[in-house]
Protein backbone atom coordinates (compact mmCIF):
# COMPACT_ATOMS: atom_id res chain seq x y z
CA MET A 1 29.27 146.31 127.85
CA SER A 2 29.99 142.72 125.94
CA LYS A 3 26.37 142.25 124.62
CA LYS A 4 24.96 144.59 121.89
CA VAL A 5 22.12 146.89 122.95
CA ALA A 6 20.12 148.82 121.24
CA ILE A 7 17.00 151.54 122.56
CA ASP A 8 14.74 152.38 119.80
CA CYS A 9 12.96 155.49 120.22
CA GLY A 10 10.19 156.72 119.26
CA CYS A 11 9.81 152.83 117.73
CA GLY A 12 6.14 153.13 116.61
CA SER A 13 4.83 150.29 115.17
CA GLY A 14 8.57 148.15 115.37
CA SER A 15 9.86 148.02 111.78
CA ASP A 16 13.61 148.79 113.73
CA ILE A 17 12.48 146.14 116.72
CA GLY A 18 12.90 143.50 114.02
CA PHE A 19 16.62 144.73 111.96
CA LEU A 20 17.93 145.50 115.13
CA LEU A 21 16.88 141.79 116.46
CA ASP A 22 18.09 139.69 113.09
CA GLU A 23 21.62 142.03 113.53
CA GLY A 24 21.75 140.87 117.03
CA PHE A 25 20.91 143.04 119.27
CA GLU A 26 18.46 143.43 122.49
CA VAL A 27 16.06 146.40 121.66
CA TYR A 28 14.57 148.49 124.37
CA ALA A 29 11.95 150.47 123.23
CA PHE A 30 9.40 153.06 123.95
CA ASP A 31 6.93 154.96 122.57
CA ILE A 32 4.40 157.73 123.20
CA GLU A 33 1.30 155.94 121.97
CA GLU A 34 -0.02 153.15 123.22
CA TYR A 35 -1.23 152.03 120.71
CA ALA A 36 1.93 151.81 118.36
CA ILE A 37 3.37 149.87 122.08
CA GLU A 38 0.05 147.28 121.81
CA LEU A 39 1.21 146.28 118.03
CA CYS A 40 4.83 146.14 118.91
CA LYS A 41 3.88 143.28 121.70
CA ARG A 42 1.55 141.90 119.18
CA ARG A 43 4.88 140.89 116.82
CA TYR A 44 7.64 140.91 119.47
CA SER A 45 5.90 139.32 123.21
CA ARG A 46 7.38 136.09 122.72
CA ASN A 47 10.83 137.81 121.87
CA SER A 48 13.09 138.08 125.35
CA LYS A 49 15.36 140.37 123.70
CA VAL A 50 12.56 142.80 122.82
CA HIS A 51 11.83 144.84 125.70
CA LEU A 52 8.58 148.04 125.03
CA ASN A 53 7.08 151.41 126.96
CA ILE A 54 5.25 153.48 127.19
CA ALA A 55 7.36 156.29 127.50
CA THR A 56 8.14 160.21 126.82
CA PHE A 57 11.46 161.52 126.47
CA TYR A 58 11.81 162.73 129.91
CA ASP A 59 10.06 160.30 131.95
CA TYR A 60 12.24 156.75 129.90
CA ALA A 61 14.68 154.80 132.47
CA TYR A 62 17.60 154.98 129.04
CA PRO A 63 19.47 151.80 130.12
CA LYS A 64 22.89 151.81 128.46
CA THR A 65 23.89 150.69 124.56
CA ASN A 66 25.84 150.39 121.50
CA LEU A 67 23.25 151.89 119.59
CA PHE A 68 20.91 154.84 120.04
CA VAL A 69 18.39 154.39 116.82
CA ALA A 70 16.54 157.95 116.94
CA ASP A 71 14.75 158.36 112.82
CA SER A 72 11.62 161.10 113.35
CA SER A 73 11.41 161.09 117.13
CA LEU A 74 13.27 163.40 118.57
CA PHE A 75 11.07 165.93 116.42
CA PHE A 76 9.33 165.34 119.07
CA CYS A 77 10.74 166.82 122.15
CA HIS A 78 9.99 169.71 123.41
CA PRO A 79 12.59 171.99 122.90
CA ASN A 80 13.09 174.08 126.73
CA LYS A 81 12.91 169.99 127.61
CA PHE A 82 15.65 168.75 124.98
CA GLU A 83 19.27 169.87 126.86
CA SER A 84 17.89 166.87 129.74
CA VAL A 85 16.59 164.60 127.39
CA TRP A 86 20.70 164.78 125.12
CA GLN A 87 22.26 165.24 128.66
CA GLU A 88 20.78 161.50 128.96
CA ILE A 89 20.84 160.33 125.81
CA CYS A 90 25.00 161.16 125.54
CA ALA A 91 25.48 159.43 129.27
CA SER A 92 23.49 156.25 128.32
CA LEU A 93 25.43 155.45 124.92
CA GLU A 94 28.75 153.47 125.95
CA PRO A 95 32.34 155.37 124.50
CA ASN A 96 32.16 154.00 120.62
CA GLY A 97 28.48 153.63 120.61
CA VAL A 98 26.89 154.89 117.75
CA PHE A 99 23.86 157.33 117.87
CA CYS A 100 21.97 156.58 114.52
CA GLY A 101 18.74 159.20 113.82
CA SER A 102 17.33 162.60 112.58
CA PHE A 103 16.58 165.98 113.47
CA LEU A 104 14.71 168.24 111.91
CA GLY A 105 15.45 171.18 109.84
CA PRO A 106 13.81 174.76 109.74
CA LYS A 107 13.58 175.39 106.17
CA ASP A 108 10.06 171.98 107.09
CA SER A 109 7.19 173.09 105.60
CA MET A 110 5.21 171.61 109.54
CA ILE A 111 7.04 174.55 110.64
CA GLY A 112 5.26 177.44 110.72
CA SER A 113 4.72 181.36 113.21
CA GLY A 114 4.36 179.93 116.43
CA GLY A 115 5.91 176.43 116.14
CA ALA A 116 4.51 173.99 114.75
CA ARG A 117 1.56 171.94 116.75
CA THR A 118 0.81 168.60 117.72
CA ARG A 119 -1.13 166.31 119.82
CA TYR A 120 1.12 165.85 122.43
CA TRP A 121 3.94 168.97 122.35
CA ASP A 122 3.83 171.97 122.27
CA ASP A 123 6.46 172.50 119.53
CA LEU A 124 8.20 170.80 117.24
CA LEU A 125 12.18 170.51 117.55
CA VAL A 126 13.08 172.27 114.73
CA LEU A 127 17.41 172.69 115.01
CA SER A 128 20.05 174.51 112.26
CA GLU A 129 22.69 172.15 111.57
CA GLU A 130 25.26 173.86 113.23
CA ARG A 131 23.87 173.22 116.59
CA ILE A 132 23.37 169.52 115.13
CA ILE A 133 27.40 170.01 114.59
CA GLN A 134 27.33 170.83 118.58
CA LEU A 135 25.76 168.64 120.03
CA PHE A 136 28.15 166.14 118.09
CA GLU A 137 31.61 167.38 119.35
CA ASN A 138 31.85 163.97 121.73
CA PHE A 139 31.47 162.39 118.54
CA SER A 140 33.00 161.44 115.32
CA ILE A 141 30.67 162.37 112.38
CA LYS A 142 30.45 159.06 110.28
CA LEU A 143 27.83 160.42 107.94
CA PHE A 144 25.93 163.32 108.16
CA SER A 145 23.26 164.73 106.04
CA GLU A 146 20.89 167.19 104.53
CA HIS A 147 17.51 166.00 103.15
CA LEU A 148 15.64 169.86 101.47
CA GLN A 149 12.77 168.30 98.94
CA GLU A 150 9.04 169.02 98.00
CA GLY A 151 6.51 166.51 97.28
CA ILE A 152 2.85 164.96 99.10
CA ASN A 153 2.89 163.66 102.23
CA ILE A 154 0.45 160.80 103.72
CA GLU A 155 -2.48 163.45 104.30
CA GLY A 156 -2.95 164.23 99.97
CA ALA A 157 -1.25 168.36 101.36
CA GLN A 158 1.76 169.72 99.84
CA HIS A 159 4.70 169.96 102.47
CA ARG A 160 8.07 170.14 101.62
CA TRP A 161 10.78 168.10 104.46
CA HIS A 162 14.01 169.47 105.94
CA ILE A 163 15.66 166.89 107.68
CA TYR A 164 18.69 166.48 109.06
CA SER A 165 19.92 162.31 109.60
CA LEU A 166 23.18 161.10 111.00
CA VAL A 167 25.28 158.57 112.18
CA ALA A 168 27.92 158.89 114.88
CA LYS A 169 30.23 157.29 117.47
CA LYS A 170 30.68 158.30 121.10
CA ILE A 171 34.31 158.44 121.82
CA ARG A 172 34.41 160.63 125.39
């Protein structure tokens, strides 16, 4: 793959899209929220290097890519569907392609008995450090960090964040 292609998974309002464009990427971005895609369309409608879709992890047609960005989005992939989504992600990444993203850890206060409930998904995807390392067996992990921090969330409530962040290069 000679051109630089990135997928922004769960693109939200598109802040990563602008950075990726500045770095010379053609960007394929999707989000389940129609409002998020409308915001992105307003920001990037005149840019032919931006391709936007309203989609879930399960129905998105992942193009071949050099860079897969999934920051705070895969949390919302239903645990029962994650394995097939992960296979799609890995198949979309070219050899030497880079995955950059984060995963929700088991100590996050969003996790309650029976799992956390959200608007579109029954349960949040929660992974242990060991499971994340297993997922990246065909990658060279360049950066791996665990964030465990107490604070106040956007709604003003007490929250404990437990996030694993990583950057990994696909080797096979």
